[in-house]
Amino acid sequence: MTTRRTVLMSLAAAPVALSTANQAVAKEAEAQPQFLFVQSAQRMRYARDQLTLVDVSPITVLFSDRPERLAGHMATEAFVPFWSEGDNSFEQDPPNADLAILEGKQDANIVLTLHEPRLEGPDLNYRVKVLEGQLPATGGAVSLFIDIIGRPLTPISFAGANRRMWRRRMLY
């Protein structure tokens, strides 16, 4: 038989139970490695808001930070469709990136956000928004360092679950 006392005690205990569940989700999120990506190309072009990595490497490198220190790679052609997967995708929340350009003995670093990747033959195009620095019209060898995939504290999103499954298949 349910009494008012039982109902009130259950309601009083609910915030504690929810807090414990949220802490468990946060700990799981912290335990999941967050991967950064690196794409390299022979040279780059920039016009209006379009960045082109010319002769991009067919391999995109990925790695995680401490404590996991995992590293791997994936085909660049597989990275592009991966962009829009799930509710927590790069398409929904565009990543920050650092474009490191080497031209002769000069180097430059430009911070930007990446949007709408398109692989066209050996070239990879992004629509970009420059956050810091100035992109030259052309440049020599480049490396693009792309922020983590997914957001911390969302370990149960569709994209996060898919990505963790993909990581396990690729890295273990």
Protein backbone atom coordinates (compact mmCIF):
# COMPACT_ATOMS: atom_id res chain seq x y z
CA MET A 1 0.00 0.00 0.00
CA THR A 2 1.45 3.38 -1.06
CA THR A 3 1.16 6.10 1.51
CA ARG A 4 1.87 9.80 1.28
CA ARG A 5 4.93 9.23 3.44
CA THR A 6 6.34 6.71 0.92
CA VAL A 7 5.69 9.07 -2.00
CA LEU A 8 7.28 12.04 -0.21
CA MET A 9 10.35 10.01 0.80
CA SER A 10 10.75 8.82 -2.79
CA LEU A 11 10.53 12.37 -4.11
CA ALA A 12 13.08 13.54 -1.54
CA ALA A 13 15.54 10.81 -2.63
CA ALA A 14 15.15 11.50 -6.39
CA PRO A 15 17.63 14.45 -6.58
CA VAL A 16 20.32 12.37 -4.86
CA ALA A 17 19.76 9.49 -7.29
CA LEU A 18 19.85 11.84 -10.29
CA SER A 19 23.01 13.53 -9.02
CA THR A 20 24.71 10.14 -8.63
CA ALA A 21 23.64 9.12 -12.14
CA ASN A 22 24.96 12.41 -13.62
CA GLN A 23 28.29 11.91 -11.83
CA ALA A 24 28.55 8.39 -13.27
CA VAL A 25 27.87 9.72 -16.79
CA ALA A 26 30.49 12.46 -16.32
CA LYS A 27 33.08 9.91 -15.13
CA GLU A 28 32.35 7.68 -18.13
CA ALA A 29 32.77 10.68 -20.45
CA GLU A 30 36.12 11.49 -18.85
CA ALA A 31 37.18 7.85 -19.28
CA GLN A 32 36.41 7.89 -23.01
CA PRO A 33 39.38 9.09 -25.07
CA GLN A 34 38.82 12.23 -27.10
CA PHE A 35 40.56 12.14 -30.47
CA LEU A 36 42.23 14.96 -32.36
CA PHE A 37 42.86 14.68 -36.09
CA VAL A 38 45.73 15.77 -38.33
CA GLN A 39 45.53 16.15 -42.12
CA SER A 40 48.59 16.99 -44.22
CA ALA A 41 48.89 18.26 -47.78
CA GLN A 42 51.58 19.29 -50.23
CA ARG A 43 50.25 22.84 -50.39
CA MET A 44 47.14 24.98 -49.84
CA ARG A 45 44.98 27.57 -51.58
CA TYR A 46 42.57 30.07 -50.06
CA ALA A 47 40.00 32.25 -51.81
CA ARG A 48 37.04 34.00 -50.15
CA ASP A 49 36.01 31.50 -47.47
CA GLN A 50 37.26 28.33 -49.22
CA LEU A 51 40.40 26.51 -48.03
CA THR A 52 41.77 23.81 -50.31
CA LEU A 53 44.32 21.29 -49.11
CA VAL A 54 46.01 20.45 -52.43
CA ASP A 55 47.25 16.86 -52.79
CA VAL A 56 45.99 15.96 -49.31
CA SER A 57 47.37 12.80 -47.74
CA PRO A 58 45.06 9.82 -48.22
CA ILE A 59 45.51 9.13 -44.48
CA THR A 60 44.09 11.22 -41.61
CA VAL A 61 46.03 10.67 -38.38
CA LEU A 62 44.21 10.58 -35.03
CA PHE A 63 45.48 10.58 -31.48
CA SER A 64 44.24 11.05 -27.93
CA ASP A 65 45.61 12.86 -24.92
CA ARG A 66 46.64 11.39 -21.58
CA PRO A 67 45.96 9.00 -19.95
CA GLU A 68 45.04 6.79 -22.91
CA ARG A 69 47.67 8.03 -25.43
CA LEU A 70 46.10 6.17 -28.32
CA ALA A 71 47.05 6.78 -31.93
CA GLY A 72 45.78 5.52 -35.26
CA HIS A 73 44.74 6.55 -38.71
CA MET A 74 41.84 6.37 -41.10
CA ALA A 75 41.38 6.97 -44.80
CA THR A 76 40.74 10.65 -45.51
CA GLU A 77 37.89 9.62 -47.82
CA ALA A 78 36.25 7.94 -44.78
CA PHE A 79 36.75 11.06 -42.64
CA VAL A 80 34.59 13.28 -44.85
CA PRO A 81 31.29 11.35 -44.49
CA PHE A 82 32.12 10.81 -40.79
CA TRP A 83 31.78 14.61 -40.41
CA SER A 84 27.99 14.65 -40.35
CA GLU A 85 27.19 11.53 -38.30
CA GLY A 86 24.90 11.86 -35.31
CA ASP A 87 23.44 14.67 -33.21
CA ASN A 88 26.85 15.68 -31.85
CA SER A 89 28.64 15.90 -35.18
CA PHE A 90 31.13 18.40 -36.55
CA GLU A 91 28.34 19.48 -38.89
CA GLN A 92 26.21 20.52 -35.90
CA ASP A 93 29.12 21.99 -33.91
CA PRO A 94 31.98 22.91 -36.29
CA PRO A 95 35.44 22.18 -34.91
CA ASN A 96 38.26 24.59 -34.29
CA ALA A 97 41.46 23.86 -36.14
CA ASP A 98 44.99 25.15 -36.48
CA LEU A 99 46.44 25.35 -39.97
CA ALA A 100 50.25 25.19 -39.86
CA ILE A 101 51.80 26.40 -43.12
CA LEU A 102 55.45 26.03 -44.07
CA GLU A 103 56.66 28.16 -46.99
CA GLY A 104 60.42 28.07 -47.45
CA LYS A 105 61.87 29.04 -44.09
CA GLN A 106 58.71 30.92 -43.07
CA ASP A 107 55.90 29.33 -41.11
CA ALA A 108 52.47 30.51 -40.04
CA ASN A 109 49.67 29.26 -37.83
CA ILE A 110 46.07 30.26 -38.46
CA VAL A 111 43.19 29.37 -36.13
CA LEU A 112 39.88 28.73 -37.86
CA THR A 113 36.63 26.80 -37.79
CA LEU A 114 35.96 24.17 -40.43
CA HIS A 115 32.69 23.65 -42.30
CA GLU A 116 31.41 21.50 -45.19
CA PRO A 117 34.36 19.29 -46.17
CA ARG A 118 34.43 18.07 -49.78
CA LEU A 119 36.97 15.65 -51.18
CA GLU A 120 37.46 16.32 -54.90
CA GLY A 121 40.05 13.96 -56.33
CA PRO A 122 43.33 14.58 -54.47
CA ASP A 123 42.12 17.88 -52.96
CA LEU A 124 40.15 18.44 -49.76
CA ASN A 125 38.06 21.63 -49.52
CA TYR A 126 36.63 23.28 -46.43
CA ARG A 127 34.55 26.40 -45.99
CA VAL A 128 36.37 28.20 -43.18
CA LYS A 129 35.93 31.09 -40.78
CA VAL A 130 39.25 32.60 -39.72
CA LEU A 131 39.41 33.23 -35.96
CA GLU A 132 43.02 34.34 -35.63
CA GLY A 133 45.79 35.07 -38.10
CA GLN A 134 45.66 35.76 -41.82
CA LEU A 135 45.38 33.06 -44.44
CA PRO A 136 47.60 33.60 -47.46
CA ALA A 137 46.22 32.94 -50.95
CA THR A 138 48.68 30.06 -51.36
CA GLY A 139 51.14 28.20 -49.18
CA GLY A 140 53.59 25.32 -49.13
CA ALA A 141 53.37 22.15 -47.06
CA VAL A 142 50.51 22.28 -44.54
CA SER A 143 49.21 20.35 -41.58
CA LEU A 144 45.67 20.87 -40.29
CA PHE A 145 45.17 20.03 -36.61
CA ILE A 146 41.45 19.46 -35.94
CA ASP A 147 39.84 19.73 -32.50
CA ILE A 148 38.29 16.76 -30.69
CA ILE A 149 35.34 14.93 -32.09
CA GLY A 150 32.26 15.02 -29.93
CA ARG A 151 31.77 17.02 -26.77
CA PRO A 152 32.87 15.90 -23.34
CA LEU A 153 29.98 14.87 -21.08
CA THR A 154 27.92 13.39 -23.94
CA PRO A 155 29.09 9.77 -23.91
CA ILE A 156 25.71 8.37 -24.86
CA SER A 157 25.01 10.45 -27.96
CA PHE A 158 24.48 8.49 -31.16
CA ALA A 159 27.60 10.00 -32.69
CA GLY A 160 29.67 9.34 -29.59
CA ALA A 161 28.55 5.71 -29.42
CA ASN A 162 29.22 5.26 -33.14
CA ARG A 163 32.62 6.85 -32.85
CA ARG A 164 33.61 4.75 -29.85
CA MET A 165 32.59 1.62 -31.75
CA TRP A 166 34.61 2.83 -34.75
CA ARG A 167 37.61 3.59 -32.51
CA ARG A 168 37.53 0.13 -31.00
CA ARG A 169 37.43 -1.48 -34.45
CA MET A 170 40.25 0.73 -35.74
CA LEU A 171 42.56 0.78 -32.73
CA TYR A 172 42.18 -2.53 -30.93
